[in-house]
Amino acid sequence: MWDAKNMMCASDPRHGCYLTASAMFHGKMSTKEVDEQMINSNMNDLVAEYQQYQDAIIEEEYEEEEEEEKEVGA
């Protein structure tokens, strides 16, 4: 899409000249469907991030317990 041969203007990106542009596509998908997909994607990312932090905290607690057991046993 952003290839120089597809542009109908005097600007050539290969020479460092750029234009600001926007592309809009019309299709069978409504904006509501796109918004729902973005919300679901963002929610999945958020859940994965919280899960990662939770797993890290649990792992740290487990390591601390192991260290305490080694100190008591020594």
PDB file of N, CA and C in Angstrom:
ATOM      1  N   MET A   1       0.811  -1.188   0.000  1.00  0.00           N
ATOM      2  CA  MET A   1       0.000   0.000   0.000  1.00  0.00           C
ATOM      3  C   MET A   1       0.862   1.262   0.000  1.00  0.00           C
ATOM      4  N   TRP A   2       1.918   1.276   0.794  1.00  0.00           N
ATOM      5  CA  TRP A   2       2.743   2.486   0.909  1.00  0.00           C
ATOM      6  C   TRP A   2       3.977   2.415   0.018  1.00  0.00           C
ATOM      7  N   ASP A   3       3.912   1.618  -1.000  1.00  0.00           N
ATOM      8  CA  ASP A   3       5.011   1.510  -1.952  1.00  0.00           C
ATOM      9  C   ASP A   3       5.004   2.732  -2.877  1.00  0.00           C
ATOM     10  N   ALA A   4       6.174   3.180  -3.313  1.00  0.00           N
ATOM     11  CA  ALA A   4       6.284   4.381  -4.149  1.00  0.00           C
ATOM     12  C   ALA A   4       5.497   4.246  -5.450  1.00  0.00           C
ATOM     13  N   LYS A   5       5.425   3.050  -6.006  1.00  0.00           N
ATOM     14  CA  LYS A   5       4.709   2.880  -7.277  1.00  0.00           C
ATOM     15  C   LYS A   5       3.194   3.008  -7.116  1.00  0.00           C
ATOM     16  N   ASN A   6       2.690   2.913  -5.882  1.00  0.00           N
ATOM     17  CA  ASN A   6       1.260   3.049  -5.631  1.00  0.00           C
ATOM     18  C   ASN A   6       0.848   4.481  -5.320  1.00  0.00           C
ATOM     19  N   MET A   7       1.788   5.388  -5.169  1.00  0.00           N
ATOM     20  CA  MET A   7       1.469   6.763  -4.788  1.00  0.00           C
ATOM     21  C   MET A   7       1.225   7.615  -6.023  1.00  0.00           C
ATOM     22  N   MET A   8       0.194   8.425  -5.944  1.00  0.00           N
ATOM     23  CA  MET A   8      -0.130   9.338  -7.035  1.00  0.00           C
ATOM     24  C   MET A   8       0.174  10.764  -6.578  1.00  0.00           C
ATOM     25  N   CYS A   9       1.451  11.039  -6.349  1.00  0.00           N
ATOM     26  CA  CYS A   9       1.868  12.363  -5.898  1.00  0.00           C
ATOM     27  C   CYS A   9       3.339  12.551  -6.244  1.00  0.00           C
ATOM     28  N   ALA A  10       3.831  13.755  -6.002  1.00  0.00           N
ATOM     29  CA  ALA A  10       5.217  14.072  -6.330  1.00  0.00           C
ATOM     30  C   ALA A  10       6.178  13.647  -5.228  1.00  0.00           C
ATOM     31  N   SER A  11       5.670  13.199  -4.097  1.00  0.00           N
ATOM     32  CA  SER A  11       6.505  12.790  -2.970  1.00  0.00           C
ATOM     33  C   SER A  11       6.977  11.354  -3.172  1.00  0.00           C
ATOM     34  N   ASP A  12       8.253  11.134  -2.936  1.00  0.00           N
ATOM     35  CA  ASP A  12       8.818   9.795  -3.082  1.00  0.00           C
ATOM     36  C   ASP A  12       9.471   9.402  -1.763  1.00  0.00           C
ATOM     37  N   PRO A  13       8.948   8.390  -1.064  1.00  0.00           N
ATOM     38  CA  PRO A  13       9.501   8.015   0.242  1.00  0.00           C
ATOM     39  C   PRO A  13      10.942   7.518   0.169  1.00  0.00           C
ATOM     40  N   ARG A  14      11.387   7.107  -0.999  1.00  0.00           N
ATOM     41  CA  ARG A  14      12.765   6.636  -1.130  1.00  0.00           C
ATOM     42  C   ARG A  14      13.761   7.782  -1.027  1.00  0.00           C
ATOM     43  N   HIS A  15      13.283   9.016  -1.222  1.00  0.00           N
ATOM     44  CA  HIS A  15      14.145  10.195  -1.137  1.00  0.00           C
ATOM     45  C   HIS A  15      13.963  10.940   0.180  1.00  0.00           C
ATOM     46  N   GLY A  16      13.236  10.378   1.113  1.00  0.00           N
ATOM     47  CA  GLY A  16      13.072  10.985   2.426  1.00  0.00           C
ATOM     48  C   GLY A  16      11.935  11.979   2.520  1.00  0.00           C
ATOM     49  N   CYS A  17      11.120  12.111   1.502  1.00  0.00           N
ATOM     50  CA  CYS A  17       9.971  13.023   1.545  1.00  0.00           C
ATOM     51  C   CYS A  17       8.731  12.207   1.879  1.00  0.00           C
ATOM     52  N   TYR A  18       8.009  12.648   2.881  1.00  0.00           N
ATOM     53  CA  TYR A  18       6.835  11.907   3.315  1.00  0.00           C
ATOM     54  C   TYR A  18       5.622  12.822   3.400  1.00  0.00           C
ATOM     55  N   LEU A  19       4.473  12.255   3.241  1.00  0.00           N
ATOM     56  CA  LEU A  19       3.206  12.947   3.417  1.00  0.00           C
ATOM     57  C   LEU A  19       2.428  12.237   4.513  1.00  0.00           C
ATOM     58  N   THR A  20       1.605  12.977   5.211  1.00  0.00           N
ATOM     59  CA  THR A  20       0.703  12.361   6.168  1.00  0.00           C
ATOM     60  C   THR A  20      -0.507  11.860   5.396  1.00  0.00           C
ATOM     61  N   ALA A  21      -0.918  10.644   5.676  1.00  0.00           N
ATOM     62  CA  ALA A  21      -2.026  10.065   4.919  1.00  0.00           C
ATOM     63  C   ALA A  21      -2.896   9.222   5.830  1.00  0.00           C
ATOM     64  N   SER A  22      -4.058   8.930   5.355  1.00  0.00           N
ATOM     65  CA  SER A  22      -4.993   8.083   6.074  1.00  0.00           C
ATOM     66  C   SER A  22      -5.610   7.115   5.080  1.00  0.00           C
ATOM     67  N   ALA A  23      -5.883   5.919   5.520  1.00  0.00           N
ATOM     68  CA  ALA A  23      -6.521   4.925   4.659  1.00  0.00           C
ATOM     69  C   ALA A  23      -7.782   4.431   5.345  1.00  0.00           C
ATOM     70  N   MET A  24      -8.865   4.443   4.619  1.00  0.00           N
ATOM     71  CA  MET A  24     -10.140   3.965   5.156  1.00  0.00           C
ATOM     72  C   MET A  24     -10.642   2.854   4.246  1.00  0.00           C
ATOM     73  N   PHE A  25     -11.033   1.757   4.846  1.00  0.00           N
ATOM     74  CA  PHE A  25     -11.531   0.628   4.089  1.00  0.00           C
ATOM     75  C   PHE A  25     -12.988   0.397   4.455  1.00  0.00           C
ATOM     76  N   HIS A  26     -13.783   0.155   3.461  1.00  0.00           N
ATOM     77  CA  HIS A  26     -15.187  -0.151   3.691  1.00  0.00           C
ATOM     78  C   HIS A  26     -15.382  -1.642   3.457  1.00  0.00           C
ATOM     79  N   GLY A  27     -16.089  -2.250   4.367  1.00  0.00           N
ATOM     80  CA  GLY A  27     -16.302  -3.677   4.219  1.00  0.00           C
ATOM     81  C   GLY A  27     -17.548  -4.108   4.960  1.00  0.00           C
ATOM     82  N   LYS A  28     -17.671  -5.389   5.185  1.00  0.00           N
ATOM     83  CA  LYS A  28     -18.856  -5.945   5.834  1.00  0.00           C
ATOM     84  C   LYS A  28     -18.810  -5.805   7.351  1.00  0.00           C
ATOM     85  N   MET A  29     -17.678  -5.427   7.902  1.00  0.00           N
ATOM     86  CA  MET A  29     -17.534  -5.347   9.349  1.00  0.00           C
ATOM     87  C   MET A  29     -17.930  -3.954   9.836  1.00  0.00           C
ATOM     88  N   SER A  30     -18.789  -3.903  10.838  1.00  0.00           N
ATOM     89  CA  SER A  30     -19.217  -2.615  11.381  1.00  0.00           C
ATOM     90  C   SER A  30     -18.208  -2.119  12.412  1.00  0.00           C
ATOM     91  N   THR A  31     -18.292  -0.841  12.728  1.00  0.00           N
ATOM     92  CA  THR A  31     -17.381  -0.281  13.733  1.00  0.00           C
ATOM     93  C   THR A  31     -17.650  -0.884  15.103  1.00  0.00           C
ATOM     94  N   LYS A  32     -18.886  -1.290  15.353  1.00  0.00           N
ATOM     95  CA  LYS A  32     -19.214  -1.919  16.635  1.00  0.00           C
ATOM     96  C   LYS A  32     -18.425  -3.225  16.794  1.00  0.00           C
ATOM     97  N   GLU A  33     -18.356  -4.005  15.738  1.00  0.00           N
ATOM     98  CA  GLU A  33     -17.607  -5.262  15.786  1.00  0.00           C
ATOM     99  C   GLU A  33     -16.122  -5.004  16.013  1.00  0.00           C
ATOM    100  N   VAL A  34     -15.593  -3.992  15.356  1.00  0.00           N
ATOM    101  CA  VAL A  34     -14.178  -3.645  15.525  1.00  0.00           C
ATOM    102  C   VAL A  34     -13.925  -3.209  16.958  1.00  0.00           C
ATOM    103  N   ASP A  35     -14.810  -2.356  17.498  1.00  0.00           N
ATOM    104  CA  ASP A  35     -14.665  -1.900  18.881  1.00  0.00           C
ATOM    105  C   ASP A  35     -14.707  -3.073  19.857  1.00  0.00           C
ATOM    106  N   GLU A  36     -15.622  -4.016  19.628  1.00  0.00           N
ATOM    107  CA  GLU A  36     -15.723  -5.186  20.500  1.00  0.00           C
ATOM    108  C   GLU A  36     -14.452  -6.027  20.440  1.00  0.00           C
ATOM    109  N   GLN A  37     -13.906  -6.196  19.247  1.00  0.00           N
ATOM    110  CA  GLN A  37     -12.667  -6.960  19.111  1.00  0.00           C
ATOM    111  C   GLN A  37     -11.512  -6.272  19.824  1.00  0.00           C
ATOM    112  N   MET A  38     -11.442  -4.956  19.712  1.00  0.00           N
ATOM    113  CA  MET A  38     -10.376  -4.213  20.388  1.00  0.00           C
ATOM    114  C   MET A  38     -10.530  -4.297  21.898  1.00  0.00           C
ATOM    115  N   ILE A  39     -11.760  -4.198  22.392  1.00  0.00           N
ATOM    116  CA  ILE A  39     -12.007  -4.304  23.832  1.00  0.00           C
ATOM    117  C   ILE A  39     -11.595  -5.684  24.326  1.00  0.00           C
ATOM    118  N   ASN A  40     -11.982  -6.729  23.598  1.00  0.00           N
ATOM    119  CA  ASN A  40     -11.611  -8.091  23.993  1.00  0.00           C
ATOM    120  C   ASN A  40     -10.099  -8.279  23.983  1.00  0.00           C
ATOM    121  N   SER A  41      -9.445  -7.750  22.970  1.00  0.00           N
ATOM    122  CA  SER A  41      -7.990  -7.867  22.880  1.00  0.00           C
ATOM    123  C   SER A  41      -7.313  -7.141  24.036  1.00  0.00           C
ATOM    124  N   ASN A  42      -7.768  -5.924  24.321  1.00  0.00           N
ATOM    125  CA  ASN A  42      -7.191  -5.161  25.429  1.00  0.00           C
ATOM    126  C   ASN A  42      -7.434  -5.855  26.763  1.00  0.00           C
ATOM    127  N   MET A  43      -8.615  -6.434  26.938  1.00  0.00           N
ATOM    128  CA  MET A  43      -8.930  -7.129  28.186  1.00  0.00           C
ATOM    129  C   MET A  43      -8.050  -8.372  28.333  1.00  0.00           C
ATOM    130  N   ASN A  44      -7.851  -9.106  27.252  1.00  0.00           N
ATOM    131  CA  ASN A  44      -6.984 -10.287  27.306  1.00  0.00           C
ATOM    132  C   ASN A  44      -5.547  -9.896  27.647  1.00  0.00           C
ATOM    133  N   ASP A  45      -5.070  -8.794  27.075  1.00  0.00           N
ATOM    134  CA  ASP A  45      -3.723  -8.314  27.392  1.00  0.00           C
ATOM    135  C   ASP A  45      -3.611  -7.932  28.859  1.00  0.00           C
ATOM    136  N   LEU A  46      -4.637  -7.264  29.379  1.00  0.00           N
ATOM    137  CA  LEU A  46      -4.634  -6.837  30.776  1.00  0.00           C
ATOM    138  C   LEU A  46      -4.644  -8.042  31.715  1.00  0.00           C
ATOM    139  N   VAL A  47      -5.480  -9.022  31.413  1.00  0.00           N
ATOM    140  CA  VAL A  47      -5.547 -10.234  32.235  1.00  0.00           C
ATOM    141  C   VAL A  47      -4.209 -10.966  32.206  1.00  0.00           C
ATOM    142  N   ALA A  48      -3.595 -11.063  31.040  1.00  0.00           N
ATOM    143  CA  ALA A  48      -2.300 -11.735  30.927  1.00  0.00           C
ATOM    144  C   ALA A  48      -1.231 -11.001  31.728  1.00  0.00           C
ATOM    145  N   GLU A  49      -1.280  -9.672  31.711  1.00  0.00           N
ATOM    146  CA  GLU A  49      -0.297  -8.894  32.469  1.00  0.00           C
ATOM    147  C   GLU A  49      -0.462  -9.118  33.967  1.00  0.00           C
ATOM    148  N   TYR A  50      -1.710  -9.066  34.457  1.00  0.00           N
ATOM    149  CA  TYR A  50      -1.948  -9.310  35.875  1.00  0.00           C
ATOM    150  C   TYR A  50      -1.560 -10.729  36.263  1.00  0.00           C
ATOM    151  N   GLN A  51      -1.835 -11.696  35.391  1.00  0.00           N
ATOM    152  CA  GLN A  51      -1.469 -13.084  35.663  1.00  0.00           C
ATOM    153  C   GLN A  51       0.045 -13.223  35.771  1.00  0.00           C
ATOM    154  N   GLN A  52       0.765 -12.518  34.918  1.00  0.00           N
ATOM    155  CA  GLN A  52       2.225 -12.558  34.947  1.00  0.00           C
ATOM    156  C   GLN A  52       2.743 -12.020  36.278  1.00  0.00           C
ATOM    157  N   TYR A  53       2.192 -10.891  36.731  1.00  0.00           N
ATOM    158  CA  TYR A  53       2.623 -10.321  38.007  1.00  0.00           C
ATOM    159  C   TYR A  53       2.255 -11.229  39.172  1.00  0.00           C
ATOM    160  N   GLN A  54       1.072 -11.831  39.110  1.00  0.00           N
ATOM    161  CA  GLN A  54       0.647 -12.735  40.169  1.00  0.00           C
ATOM    162  C   GLN A  54       1.574 -13.948  40.237  1.00  0.00           C
ATOM    163  N   ASP A  55       1.919 -14.511  39.093  1.00  0.00           N
ATOM    164  CA  ASP A  55       2.828 -15.657  39.062  1.00  0.00           C
ATOM    165  C   ASP A  55       4.202 -15.284  39.610  1.00  0.00           C
ATOM    166  N   ALA A  56       4.670 -14.081  39.302  1.00  0.00           N
ATOM    167  CA  ALA A  56       5.975 -13.635  39.794  1.00  0.00           C
ATOM    168  C   ALA A  56       5.954 -13.490  41.307  1.00  0.00           C
ATOM    169  N   ILE A  57       4.870 -12.961  41.860  1.00  0.00           N
ATOM    170  CA  ILE A  57       4.760 -12.790  43.314  1.00  0.00           C
ATOM    171  C   ILE A  57       4.716 -14.146  43.998  1.00  0.00           C
ATOM    172  N   ILE A  58       3.946 -15.075  43.447  1.00  0.00           N
ATOM    173  CA  ILE A  58       3.857 -16.416  44.029  1.00  0.00           C
ATOM    174  C   ILE A  58       5.219 -17.093  43.985  1.00  0.00           C
ATOM    175  N   GLU A  59       5.944 -16.940  42.892  1.00  0.00           N
ATOM    176  CA  GLU A  59       7.272 -17.538  42.764  1.00  0.00           C
ATOM    177  C   GLU A  59       8.235 -16.947  43.793  1.00  0.00           C
ATOM    178  N   GLU A  60       8.168 -15.633  44.017  1.00  0.00           N
ATOM    179  CA  GLU A  60       9.029 -14.992  45.017  1.00  0.00           C
ATOM    180  C   GLU A  60       8.714 -15.510  46.412  1.00  0.00           C
ATOM    181  N   GLU A  61       7.416 -15.647  46.725  1.00  0.00           N
ATOM    182  CA  GLU A  61       7.025 -16.156  48.036  1.00  0.00           C
ATOM    183  C   GLU A  61       7.525 -17.586  48.224  1.00  0.00           C
ATOM    184  N   TYR A  62       7.445 -18.404  47.191  1.00  0.00           N
ATOM    185  CA  TYR A  62       7.898 -19.789  47.254  1.00  0.00           C
ATOM    186  C   TYR A  62       9.406 -19.842  47.493  1.00  0.00           C
ATOM    187  N   GLU A  63      10.151 -18.977  46.799  1.00  0.00           N
ATOM    188  CA  GLU A  63      11.603 -18.940  46.977  1.00  0.00           C
ATOM    189  C   GLU A  63      11.970 -18.490  48.386  1.00  0.00           C
ATOM    190  N   GLU A  64      11.230 -17.524  48.935  1.00  0.00           N
ATOM    191  CA  GLU A  64      11.495 -17.061  50.298  1.00  0.00           C
ATOM    192  C   GLU A  64      11.244 -18.176  51.305  1.00  0.00           C
ATOM    193  N   GLU A  65      10.167 -18.949  51.101  1.00  0.00           N
ATOM    194  CA  GLU A  65       9.871 -20.059  52.000  1.00  0.00           C
ATOM    195  C   GLU A  65      10.975 -21.110  51.944  1.00  0.00           C
ATOM    196  N   GLU A  66      11.483 -21.398  50.756  1.00  0.00           N
ATOM    197  CA  GLU A  66      12.563 -22.373  50.620  1.00  0.00           C
ATOM    198  C   GLU A  66      13.819 -21.897  51.336  1.00  0.00           C
ATOM    199  N   GLU A  67      14.131 -20.609  51.223  1.00  0.00           N
ATOM    200  CA  GLU A  67      15.306 -20.060  51.899  1.00  0.00           C
ATOM    201  C   GLU A  67      15.153 -20.146  53.413  1.00  0.00           C
ATOM    202  N   GLU A  68      13.944 -19.862  53.922  1.00  0.00           N
ATOM    203  CA  GLU A  68      13.706 -19.947  55.360  1.00  0.00           C
ATOM    204  C   GLU A  68      13.856 -21.382  55.847  1.00  0.00           C
ATOM    205  N   GLU A  69      13.360 -22.345  55.068  1.00  0.00           N
ATOM    206  CA  GLU A  69      13.480 -23.751  55.449  1.00  0.00           C
ATOM    207  C   GLU A  69      14.942 -24.185  55.471  1.00  0.00           C
ATOM    208  N   LYS A  70      15.740 -23.699  54.530  1.00  0.00           N
ATOM    209  CA  LYS A  70      17.159 -24.036  54.508  1.00  0.00           C
ATOM    210  C   LYS A  70      17.870 -23.448  55.715  1.00  0.00           C
ATOM    211  N   GLU A  71      17.505 -22.218  56.093  1.00  0.00           N
ATOM    212  CA  GLU A  71      18.136 -21.575  57.246  1.00  0.00           C
ATOM    213  C   GLU A  71      17.770 -22.296  58.534  1.00  0.00           C
ATOM    214  N   VAL A  72      16.524 -22.727  58.654  1.00  0.00           N
ATOM    215  CA  VAL A  72      16.083 -23.438  59.853  1.00  0.00           C
ATOM    216  C   VAL A  72      16.735 -24.809  59.917  1.00  0.00           C
ATOM    217  N   GLY A  73      16.878 -25.468  58.802  1.00  0.00           N
ATOM    218  CA  GLY A  73      17.467 -26.801  58.750  1.00  0.00           C
ATOM    219  C   GLY A  73      18.974 -26.788  58.945  1.00  0.00           C
ATOM    220  N   ALA A  74      19.616 -25.669  58.689  1.00  0.00           N
ATOM    221  CA  ALA A  74      21.078 -25.607  58.780  1.00  0.00           C
ATOM    222  C   ALA A  74      21.586 -25.412  60.166  1.00  0.00           C
TER     223      ALA A  74
END
